[in-house]
């Protein structure tokens, strides 16, 4: 019986990491930018045809948890992290469209 309870608790713990991703219908806010709050909208990205693994991989965002990767505009402008898509070819250019992500409060 104890092994069954331990197995259930371990399964719930491991599955909780999936809940930290931003699925369609949810948003995540990054408020540490001096340029304004950045809201990541899971619905917009899903509608654009993106899958979680497109960004959540060993090269971009290995963990589906906010704060595990330091996101900087230098990295984005260099074509890394969000800049892999937001380069003006696949999605809007982050370098010339600041207000599309950064919302002044």
C-alpha atoms as a PDB file:
ATOM      1  CA  UNK A   1       0.000   0.000   0.000  1.00  0.00           C
ATOM      2  CA  UNK A   2       2.842   2.408   0.834  1.00  0.00           C
ATOM      3  CA  UNK A   3       4.484   1.702  -2.512  1.00  0.00           C
ATOM      4  CA  UNK A   4       1.234   2.527  -4.315  1.00  0.00           C
ATOM      5  CA  UNK A   5       0.886   5.835  -2.451  1.00  0.00           C
ATOM      6  CA  UNK A   6       4.528   6.664  -3.146  1.00  0.00           C
ATOM      7  CA  UNK A   7       4.029   5.859  -6.845  1.00  0.00           C
ATOM      8  CA  UNK A   8       0.947   8.112  -7.033  1.00  0.00           C
ATOM      9  CA  UNK A   9       2.728  10.999  -5.277  1.00  0.00           C
ATOM     10  CA  UNK A  10       5.788  10.625  -7.526  1.00  0.00           C
ATOM     11  CA  UNK A  11       3.605  10.580 -10.650  1.00  0.00           C
ATOM     12  CA  UNK A  12       1.745  13.714  -9.580  1.00  0.00           C
ATOM     13  CA  UNK A  13       5.042  15.464  -8.825  1.00  0.00           C
ATOM     14  CA  UNK A  14       6.529  14.584 -12.217  1.00  0.00           C
ATOM     15  CA  UNK A  15       3.380  15.633 -14.066  1.00  0.00           C
ATOM     16  CA  UNK A  16       3.282  18.989 -12.289  1.00  0.00           C
ATOM     17  CA  UNK A  17       6.204  20.165 -14.455  1.00  0.00           C
ATOM     18  CA  UNK A  18       3.994  19.930 -17.528  1.00  0.00           C
ATOM     19  CA  UNK A  19       1.508  22.299 -15.894  1.00  0.00           C
ATOM     20  CA  UNK A  20       4.174  25.011 -15.809  1.00  0.00           C
ATOM     21  CA  UNK A  21       4.177  25.339 -19.596  1.00  0.00           C
ATOM     22  CA  UNK A  22       1.932  27.976 -21.180  1.00  0.00           C
ATOM     23  CA  UNK A  23      -0.772  26.119 -23.080  1.00  0.00           C
ATOM     24  CA  UNK A  24      -3.392  27.701 -25.314  1.00  0.00           C
ATOM     25  CA  UNK A  25      -5.727  29.867 -23.278  1.00  0.00           C
ATOM     26  CA  UNK A  26      -3.045  30.828 -20.765  1.00  0.00           C
ATOM     27  CA  UNK A  27      -0.532  33.662 -20.531  1.00  0.00           C
ATOM     28  CA  UNK A  28       2.689  34.143 -18.619  1.00  0.00           C
ATOM     29  CA  UNK A  29       3.944  37.561 -17.530  1.00  0.00           C
ATOM     30  CA  UNK A  30       7.552  38.636 -17.306  1.00  0.00           C
ATOM     31  CA  UNK A  31       7.624  41.823 -15.242  1.00  0.00           C
ATOM     32  CA  UNK A  32      11.365  42.289 -14.745  1.00  0.00           C
ATOM     33  CA  UNK A  33      11.907  44.277 -17.953  1.00  0.00           C
ATOM     34  CA  UNK A  34      12.531  48.026 -17.703  1.00  0.00           C
ATOM     35  CA  UNK A  35      10.783  48.346 -21.087  1.00  0.00           C
ATOM     36  CA  UNK A  36       7.481  47.093 -19.660  1.00  0.00           C
ATOM     37  CA  UNK A  37       5.719  43.843 -18.889  1.00  0.00           C
ATOM     38  CA  UNK A  38       6.055  41.085 -21.481  1.00  0.00           C
ATOM     39  CA  UNK A  39       3.116  38.720 -21.804  1.00  0.00           C
ATOM     40  CA  UNK A  40       3.618  35.343 -23.447  1.00  0.00           C
ATOM     41  CA  UNK A  41       0.311  34.119 -24.874  1.00  0.00           C
ATOM     42  CA  UNK A  42       0.058  30.379 -25.398  1.00  0.00           C
ATOM     43  CA  UNK A  43      -2.961  30.752 -27.700  1.00  0.00           C
ATOM     44  CA  UNK A  44      -1.167  33.077 -30.142  1.00  0.00           C
ATOM     45  CA  UNK A  45       1.777  30.729 -30.395  1.00  0.00           C
ATOM     46  CA  UNK A  46      -0.411  27.647 -30.861  1.00  0.00           C
ATOM     47  CA  UNK A  47      -2.448  29.400 -33.560  1.00  0.00           C
ATOM     48  CA  UNK A  48       0.831  30.193 -35.331  1.00  0.00           C
ATOM     49  CA  UNK A  49       1.427  26.443 -35.559  1.00  0.00           C
ATOM     50  CA  UNK A  50       3.996  26.132 -32.784  1.00  0.00           C
ATOM     51  CA  UNK A  51       4.382  23.073 -30.605  1.00  0.00           C
ATOM     52  CA  UNK A  52       5.848  23.182 -27.076  1.00  0.00           C
ATOM     53  CA  UNK A  53       8.972  21.319 -28.202  1.00  0.00           C
ATOM     54  CA  UNK A  54       9.700  24.006 -30.811  1.00  0.00           C
ATOM     55  CA  UNK A  55      10.962  26.194 -27.953  1.00  0.00           C
ATOM     56  CA  UNK A  56      11.244  23.814 -25.027  1.00  0.00           C
ATOM     57  CA  UNK A  57      14.328  21.899 -26.062  1.00  0.00           C
ATOM     58  CA  UNK A  58      17.944  21.652 -24.923  1.00  0.00           C
ATOM     59  CA  UNK A  59      19.014  24.653 -27.022  1.00  0.00           C
ATOM     60  CA  UNK A  60      16.368  27.223 -26.085  1.00  0.00           C
ATOM     61  CA  UNK A  61      14.245  26.675 -22.992  1.00  0.00           C
ATOM     62  CA  UNK A  62      15.139  23.232 -21.608  1.00  0.00           C
ATOM     63  CA  UNK A  63      12.790  23.429 -18.635  1.00  0.00           C
ATOM     64  CA  UNK A  64       9.161  24.454 -18.735  1.00  0.00           C
ATOM     65  CA  UNK A  65       9.504  26.731 -15.750  1.00  0.00           C
ATOM     66  CA  UNK A  66       9.689  30.517 -15.636  1.00  0.00           C
ATOM     67  CA  UNK A  67      13.042  31.848 -14.496  1.00  0.00           C
ATOM     68  CA  UNK A  68      15.187  28.909 -15.593  1.00  0.00           C
ATOM     69  CA  UNK A  69      16.645  30.828 -18.570  1.00  0.00           C
ATOM     70  CA  UNK A  70      17.788  34.448 -18.528  1.00  0.00           C
ATOM     71  CA  UNK A  71      16.138  36.151 -21.488  1.00  0.00           C
ATOM     72  CA  UNK A  72      17.919  39.246 -22.788  1.00  0.00           C
ATOM     73  CA  UNK A  73      17.313  41.373 -25.844  1.00  0.00           C
ATOM     74  CA  UNK A  74      20.940  40.819 -26.889  1.00  0.00           C
ATOM     75  CA  UNK A  75      20.231  37.078 -27.074  1.00  0.00           C
ATOM     76  CA  UNK A  76      16.999  37.653 -28.997  1.00  0.00           C
ATOM     77  CA  UNK A  77      18.675  40.070 -31.449  1.00  0.00           C
ATOM     78  CA  UNK A  78      21.422  37.463 -31.977  1.00  0.00           C
ATOM     79  CA  UNK A  79      18.765  34.994 -33.178  1.00  0.00           C
ATOM     80  CA  UNK A  80      18.649  32.967 -29.983  1.00  0.00           C
ATOM     81  CA  UNK A  81      15.736  32.155 -27.669  1.00  0.00           C
ATOM     82  CA  UNK A  82      12.654  34.080 -28.925  1.00  0.00           C
ATOM     83  CA  UNK A  83      14.789  35.500 -31.750  1.00  0.00           C
ATOM     84  CA  UNK A  84      14.866  32.105 -33.464  1.00  0.00           C
ATOM     85  CA  UNK A  85      11.379  32.929 -34.768  1.00  0.00           C
ATOM     86  CA  UNK A  86      11.024  36.651 -34.087  1.00  0.00           C
ATOM     87  CA  UNK A  87      13.504  37.645 -36.776  1.00  0.00           C
ATOM     88  CA  UNK A  88      11.186  39.210 -39.363  1.00  0.00           C
ATOM     89  CA  UNK A  89      11.073  36.032 -41.446  1.00  0.00           C
ATOM     90  CA  UNK A  90       9.089  33.474 -39.503  1.00  0.00           C
ATOM     91  CA  UNK A  91       7.421  35.976 -37.139  1.00  0.00           C
ATOM     92  CA  UNK A  92       7.551  39.717 -36.577  1.00  0.00           C
ATOM     93  CA  UNK A  93      11.002  41.190 -36.010  1.00  0.00           C
ATOM     94  CA  UNK A  94      11.554  41.724 -32.279  1.00  0.00           C
ATOM     95  CA  UNK A  95      14.180  44.378 -32.918  1.00  0.00           C
ATOM     96  CA  UNK A  96      11.830  46.789 -34.669  1.00  0.00           C
ATOM     97  CA  UNK A  97       8.559  45.926 -32.907  1.00  0.00           C
ATOM     98  CA  UNK A  98       9.283  46.466 -29.194  1.00  0.00           C
ATOM     99  CA  UNK A  99       5.678  47.363 -28.320  1.00  0.00           C
ATOM    100  CA  UNK A 100       4.375  44.033 -29.643  1.00  0.00           C
ATOM    101  CA  UNK A 101       5.849  42.354 -26.548  1.00  0.00           C
ATOM    102  CA  UNK A 102       6.721  45.106 -24.078  1.00  0.00           C
ATOM    103  CA  UNK A 103       3.642  46.770 -22.588  1.00  0.00           C
ATOM    104  CA  UNK A 104       4.234  49.952 -20.583  1.00  0.00           C
ATOM    105  CA  UNK A 105       2.062  50.044 -17.458  1.00  0.00           C
END
